[in-house]
Amino acid sequence: MGYANYTGYEPAGIQAVSATTTAAGITITAATAASATRTQPDYAIIFAESASVRWRDDGTDPTGAIGVPLPFGQYFYYDGRIDKIKFAANTGQDIIVWCSLYRAGN
């Protein structure tokens, strides 16, 4: 996956998402919230650490067979609704997906 130049972004936290074939998403907490008016990060680098995963961000949970595949050991840049993205294992095994979160700088 390519490099993206997001120099206007500042770190907003890191989170490990664990799941099986039951979908799990990123939890937005006070630690990742910028302020009362901006409650979530704007951008994430997402890495499949322990196994291949599938993801969706359209409001429907991914399953082991349905969703965009993210191969084990790969990462991608996500610039969308952080609170909507969810992950599920391809094979029913436990997965860990690391999410490094960022928000647009002032």
N, C-alpha and C. Protein backbone atom coordinates (compact mmCIF):
# COMPACT_ATOMS: atom_id res chain seq x y z
N MET A 1 0.85 -1.16 0.00
CA MET A 1 0.00 0.00 0.00
C MET A 1 0.90 1.23 0.00
N GLY A 2 0.48 2.26 -0.60
CA GLY A 2 1.33 3.42 -0.80
C GLY A 2 1.44 4.32 0.41
N TYR A 3 2.34 5.27 0.28
CA TYR A 3 2.55 6.27 1.31
C TYR A 3 1.64 7.45 1.03
N ALA A 4 1.01 7.98 2.05
CA ALA A 4 0.18 9.17 1.91
C ALA A 4 0.78 10.27 2.75
N ASN A 5 0.80 11.48 2.24
CA ASN A 5 1.36 12.61 2.96
C ASN A 5 0.26 13.30 3.77
N TYR A 6 0.20 13.02 5.05
CA TYR A 6 -0.78 13.62 5.94
C TYR A 6 -0.06 14.45 6.99
N THR A 7 0.73 15.41 6.54
CA THR A 7 1.52 16.21 7.47
C THR A 7 0.68 17.11 8.34
N GLY A 8 -0.57 17.39 7.96
CA GLY A 8 -1.44 18.25 8.77
C GLY A 8 -2.17 17.51 9.86
N TYR A 9 -1.85 16.25 10.08
CA TYR A 9 -2.54 15.44 11.09
C TYR A 9 -1.68 15.32 12.34
N GLU A 10 -2.34 15.22 13.49
CA GLU A 10 -1.63 15.00 14.75
C GLU A 10 -2.11 13.71 15.38
N PRO A 11 -1.27 13.02 16.14
CA PRO A 11 -1.65 11.74 16.75
C PRO A 11 -2.86 11.89 17.67
N ALA A 12 -3.74 10.90 17.60
CA ALA A 12 -4.95 10.90 18.44
C ALA A 12 -5.10 9.58 19.19
N GLY A 13 -4.06 8.75 19.22
CA GLY A 13 -4.12 7.51 19.99
C GLY A 13 -3.87 6.29 19.13
N ILE A 14 -3.78 5.17 19.80
CA ILE A 14 -3.60 3.88 19.14
C ILE A 14 -4.51 2.89 19.84
N GLN A 15 -5.03 1.94 19.07
CA GLN A 15 -5.97 1.00 19.66
C GLN A 15 -5.82 -0.36 18.98
N ALA A 16 -5.88 -1.41 19.78
CA ALA A 16 -5.92 -2.76 19.24
C ALA A 16 -7.37 -3.23 19.26
N VAL A 17 -7.86 -3.69 18.12
CA VAL A 17 -9.21 -4.22 18.02
C VAL A 17 -9.09 -5.73 17.92
N SER A 18 -9.74 -6.45 18.83
CA SER A 18 -9.75 -7.91 18.82
C SER A 18 -11.13 -8.39 18.40
N ALA A 19 -11.16 -9.42 17.55
CA ALA A 19 -12.46 -9.93 17.10
C ALA A 19 -12.30 -11.36 16.60
N THR A 20 -13.43 -12.02 16.42
CA THR A 20 -13.49 -13.31 15.72
C THR A 20 -14.41 -13.06 14.52
N THR A 21 -15.28 -14.00 14.19
CA THR A 21 -16.23 -13.75 13.11
C THR A 21 -17.32 -12.78 13.54
N THR A 22 -17.41 -12.47 14.84
CA THR A 22 -18.30 -11.42 15.31
C THR A 22 -17.56 -10.10 15.14
N ALA A 23 -18.16 -9.18 14.43
CA ALA A 23 -17.50 -7.92 14.09
C ALA A 23 -17.22 -7.06 15.31
N ALA A 24 -16.12 -6.32 15.27
CA ALA A 24 -15.75 -5.38 16.32
C ALA A 24 -15.22 -4.12 15.66
N GLY A 25 -15.44 -2.99 16.34
CA GLY A 25 -15.00 -1.72 15.79
C GLY A 25 -14.09 -0.96 16.73
N ILE A 26 -13.66 0.19 16.29
CA ILE A 26 -12.81 1.07 17.07
C ILE A 26 -13.69 1.81 18.08
N THR A 27 -13.24 1.86 19.32
CA THR A 27 -13.97 2.57 20.36
C THR A 27 -13.40 3.97 20.49
N ILE A 28 -14.24 4.97 20.28
CA ILE A 28 -13.82 6.36 20.43
C ILE A 28 -14.04 6.76 21.89
N THR A 29 -12.95 7.11 22.56
CA THR A 29 -13.01 7.49 23.97
C THR A 29 -12.58 8.93 24.15
N ALA A 30 -12.66 9.42 25.36
CA ALA A 30 -12.20 10.78 25.66
C ALA A 30 -10.73 10.96 25.30
N ALA A 31 -9.96 9.88 25.39
CA ALA A 31 -8.53 9.96 25.08
C ALA A 31 -8.29 10.23 23.59
N THR A 32 -9.23 9.83 22.73
CA THR A 32 -9.06 10.06 21.30
C THR A 32 -9.89 11.23 20.79
N ALA A 33 -10.74 11.79 21.63
CA ALA A 33 -11.59 12.90 21.21
C ALA A 33 -10.81 14.21 21.26
N ALA A 34 -10.97 15.04 20.25
CA ALA A 34 -10.25 16.31 20.19
C ALA A 34 -10.90 17.37 21.06
N SER A 35 -12.22 17.41 21.06
CA SER A 35 -12.95 18.41 21.83
C SER A 35 -14.41 18.00 21.84
N ALA A 36 -15.22 18.83 22.49
CA ALA A 36 -16.66 18.54 22.52
C ALA A 36 -17.28 18.65 21.12
N THR A 37 -16.68 19.44 20.25
CA THR A 37 -17.24 19.61 18.91
C THR A 37 -16.68 18.62 17.90
N ARG A 38 -15.48 18.11 18.11
CA ARG A 38 -14.92 17.08 17.24
C ARG A 38 -14.64 15.88 18.13
N THR A 39 -15.47 14.85 18.00
CA THR A 39 -15.39 13.74 18.94
C THR A 39 -14.67 12.51 18.40
N GLN A 40 -14.11 12.59 17.21
CA GLN A 40 -13.43 11.41 16.69
C GLN A 40 -12.25 11.78 15.82
N PRO A 41 -11.33 10.85 15.67
CA PRO A 41 -10.21 11.07 14.74
C PRO A 41 -10.72 11.14 13.30
N ASP A 42 -9.90 11.70 12.44
CA ASP A 42 -10.26 11.88 11.04
C ASP A 42 -9.62 10.84 10.12
N TYR A 43 -8.63 10.12 10.62
CA TYR A 43 -7.77 9.31 9.76
C TYR A 43 -7.14 8.19 10.58
N ALA A 44 -6.87 7.05 9.94
CA ALA A 44 -6.24 5.93 10.66
C ALA A 44 -5.31 5.16 9.73
N ILE A 45 -4.27 4.60 10.32
CA ILE A 45 -3.45 3.60 9.66
C ILE A 45 -3.81 2.28 10.35
N ILE A 46 -4.26 1.31 9.57
CA ILE A 46 -4.81 0.06 10.12
C ILE A 46 -3.95 -1.10 9.65
N PHE A 47 -3.55 -1.97 10.61
CA PHE A 47 -2.63 -3.07 10.35
C PHE A 47 -3.21 -4.38 10.86
N ALA A 48 -3.25 -5.40 10.02
CA ALA A 48 -3.73 -6.74 10.41
C ALA A 48 -2.55 -7.51 10.99
N GLU A 49 -2.49 -7.62 12.32
CA GLU A 49 -1.32 -8.21 12.96
C GLU A 49 -1.33 -9.73 13.02
N SER A 50 -2.44 -10.32 13.40
CA SER A 50 -2.39 -11.75 13.73
C SER A 50 -3.01 -12.68 12.69
N ALA A 51 -3.84 -12.15 11.80
CA ALA A 51 -4.49 -12.97 10.77
C ALA A 51 -5.15 -12.04 9.75
N SER A 52 -5.53 -12.59 8.63
CA SER A 52 -6.27 -11.81 7.64
C SER A 52 -7.64 -11.44 8.20
N VAL A 53 -8.13 -10.27 7.80
CA VAL A 53 -9.43 -9.81 8.30
C VAL A 53 -10.26 -9.30 7.12
N ARG A 54 -11.51 -9.06 7.40
CA ARG A 54 -12.40 -8.36 6.48
C ARG A 54 -12.94 -7.15 7.20
N TRP A 55 -13.18 -6.08 6.45
CA TRP A 55 -13.70 -4.87 7.05
C TRP A 55 -14.81 -4.26 6.20
N ARG A 56 -15.69 -3.52 6.88
CA ARG A 56 -16.75 -2.77 6.23
C ARG A 56 -16.95 -1.47 7.00
N ASP A 57 -17.42 -0.45 6.30
CA ASP A 57 -17.72 0.82 6.96
C ASP A 57 -19.05 1.40 6.49
N ASP A 58 -19.92 0.53 5.98
CA ASP A 58 -21.20 0.98 5.43
C ASP A 58 -22.38 0.75 6.37
N GLY A 59 -22.10 0.43 7.63
CA GLY A 59 -23.17 0.21 8.59
C GLY A 59 -23.59 -1.24 8.73
N THR A 60 -23.03 -2.12 7.90
CA THR A 60 -23.30 -3.56 8.00
C THR A 60 -22.05 -4.25 8.51
N ASP A 61 -22.21 -5.17 9.45
CA ASP A 61 -21.06 -5.88 10.00
C ASP A 61 -20.42 -6.79 8.96
N PRO A 62 -19.09 -6.82 8.90
CA PRO A 62 -18.43 -7.81 8.05
C PRO A 62 -18.57 -9.20 8.67
N THR A 63 -18.33 -10.21 7.86
CA THR A 63 -18.30 -11.60 8.34
C THR A 63 -17.02 -12.24 7.83
N GLY A 64 -16.86 -13.51 8.11
CA GLY A 64 -15.69 -14.22 7.61
C GLY A 64 -15.66 -14.34 6.10
N ALA A 65 -16.80 -14.11 5.44
CA ALA A 65 -16.88 -14.25 3.98
C ALA A 65 -17.24 -12.97 3.25
N ILE A 66 -17.75 -11.96 3.97
CA ILE A 66 -18.22 -10.74 3.31
C ILE A 66 -17.55 -9.53 3.93
N GLY A 67 -16.97 -8.71 3.08
CA GLY A 67 -16.27 -7.51 3.49
C GLY A 67 -15.00 -7.35 2.67
N VAL A 68 -14.38 -6.21 2.80
CA VAL A 68 -13.14 -5.95 2.06
C VAL A 68 -12.00 -6.70 2.75
N PRO A 69 -11.27 -7.57 2.04
CA PRO A 69 -10.20 -8.31 2.69
C PRO A 69 -8.97 -7.44 2.97
N LEU A 70 -8.38 -7.67 4.13
CA LEU A 70 -7.09 -7.07 4.49
C LEU A 70 -6.19 -8.23 4.88
N PRO A 71 -5.21 -8.58 4.03
CA PRO A 71 -4.36 -9.73 4.31
C PRO A 71 -3.51 -9.55 5.56
N PHE A 72 -3.20 -10.64 6.20
CA PHE A 72 -2.31 -10.68 7.35
C PHE A 72 -1.01 -9.96 7.02
N GLY A 73 -0.55 -9.12 7.93
CA GLY A 73 0.72 -8.43 7.75
C GLY A 73 0.65 -7.19 6.88
N GLN A 74 -0.53 -6.83 6.42
CA GLN A 74 -0.70 -5.66 5.56
C GLN A 74 -1.35 -4.52 6.33
N TYR A 75 -1.23 -3.32 5.79
CA TYR A 75 -1.87 -2.16 6.38
C TYR A 75 -2.53 -1.33 5.29
N PHE A 76 -3.43 -0.45 5.71
CA PHE A 76 -4.00 0.51 4.77
C PHE A 76 -4.32 1.80 5.50
N TYR A 77 -4.44 2.86 4.71
CA TYR A 77 -4.79 4.18 5.23
C TYR A 77 -6.30 4.33 5.12
N TYR A 78 -6.94 4.72 6.19
CA TYR A 78 -8.39 4.89 6.19
C TYR A 78 -8.73 6.34 6.50
N ASP A 79 -9.41 6.98 5.59
CA ASP A 79 -9.81 8.37 5.72
C ASP A 79 -11.33 8.41 5.57
N GLY A 80 -12.01 8.12 6.66
CA GLY A 80 -13.47 8.04 6.61
C GLY A 80 -14.04 8.11 8.02
N ARG A 81 -15.24 7.63 8.19
CA ARG A 81 -15.91 7.64 9.48
C ARG A 81 -15.31 6.55 10.37
N ILE A 82 -14.40 6.94 11.25
CA ILE A 82 -13.71 6.01 12.14
C ILE A 82 -14.70 5.22 12.99
N ASP A 83 -15.80 5.85 13.39
CA ASP A 83 -16.77 5.17 14.23
C ASP A 83 -17.61 4.14 13.48
N LYS A 84 -17.49 4.09 12.15
CA LYS A 84 -18.29 3.15 11.36
C LYS A 84 -17.53 1.90 10.92
N ILE A 85 -16.20 1.93 10.92
CA ILE A 85 -15.44 0.79 10.41
C ILE A 85 -15.45 -0.36 11.43
N LYS A 86 -15.68 -1.57 10.93
CA LYS A 86 -15.67 -2.77 11.77
C LYS A 86 -14.87 -3.86 11.09
N PHE A 87 -14.35 -4.78 11.91
CA PHE A 87 -13.47 -5.85 11.43
C PHE A 87 -14.00 -7.21 11.88
N ALA A 88 -13.75 -8.24 11.07
CA ALA A 88 -14.08 -9.62 11.43
C ALA A 88 -13.02 -10.54 10.83
N ALA A 89 -12.81 -11.68 11.48
CA ALA A 89 -11.81 -12.64 11.00
C ALA A 89 -12.31 -13.36 9.75
N ASN A 90 -11.38 -13.66 8.85
CA ASN A 90 -11.71 -14.44 7.66
C ASN A 90 -12.04 -15.88 7.99
N THR A 91 -11.34 -16.44 8.95
CA THR A 91 -11.40 -17.89 9.17
C THR A 91 -12.00 -18.31 10.49
N GLY A 92 -12.52 -17.39 11.27
CA GLY A 92 -13.09 -17.74 12.55
C GLY A 92 -12.08 -17.74 13.68
N GLN A 93 -10.82 -17.48 13.37
CA GLN A 93 -9.82 -17.41 14.43
C GLN A 93 -9.83 -16.01 15.04
N ASP A 94 -9.19 -15.86 16.17
CA ASP A 94 -9.08 -14.55 16.79
C ASP A 94 -8.15 -13.67 15.97
N ILE A 95 -8.50 -12.39 15.87
CA ILE A 95 -7.67 -11.44 15.14
C ILE A 95 -7.30 -10.27 16.04
N ILE A 96 -6.22 -9.62 15.69
CA ILE A 96 -5.85 -8.34 16.30
C ILE A 96 -5.54 -7.39 15.16
N VAL A 97 -6.23 -6.25 15.17
CA VAL A 97 -6.02 -5.20 14.18
C VAL A 97 -5.57 -3.96 14.95
N TRP A 98 -4.39 -3.44 14.61
CA TRP A 98 -3.88 -2.23 15.26
C TRP A 98 -4.31 -1.02 14.45
N CYS A 99 -4.81 -0.02 15.15
CA CYS A 99 -5.29 1.20 14.53
C CYS A 99 -4.56 2.39 15.14
N SER A 100 -3.75 3.06 14.35
CA SER A 100 -3.08 4.28 14.78
C SER A 100 -3.93 5.45 14.29
N LEU A 101 -4.45 6.24 15.24
CA LEU A 101 -5.46 7.25 14.94
C LEU A 101 -4.88 8.65 14.89
N TYR A 102 -5.42 9.48 14.00
CA TYR A 102 -4.96 10.84 13.81
C TYR A 102 -6.15 11.77 13.62
N ARG A 103 -5.94 13.05 13.93
CA ARG A 103 -6.95 14.06 13.65
C ARG A 103 -6.28 15.22 12.95
N ALA A 104 -7.08 15.95 12.17
CA ALA A 104 -6.56 17.11 11.46
C ALA A 104 -6.06 18.14 12.47
N GLY A 105 -4.86 18.67 12.21
CA GLY A 105 -4.29 19.69 13.10
C GLY A 105 -5.00 21.01 12.96
N ASN A 106 -4.76 21.88 13.91
CA ASN A 106 -5.42 23.20 13.88
C ASN A 106 -4.70 24.14 12.96
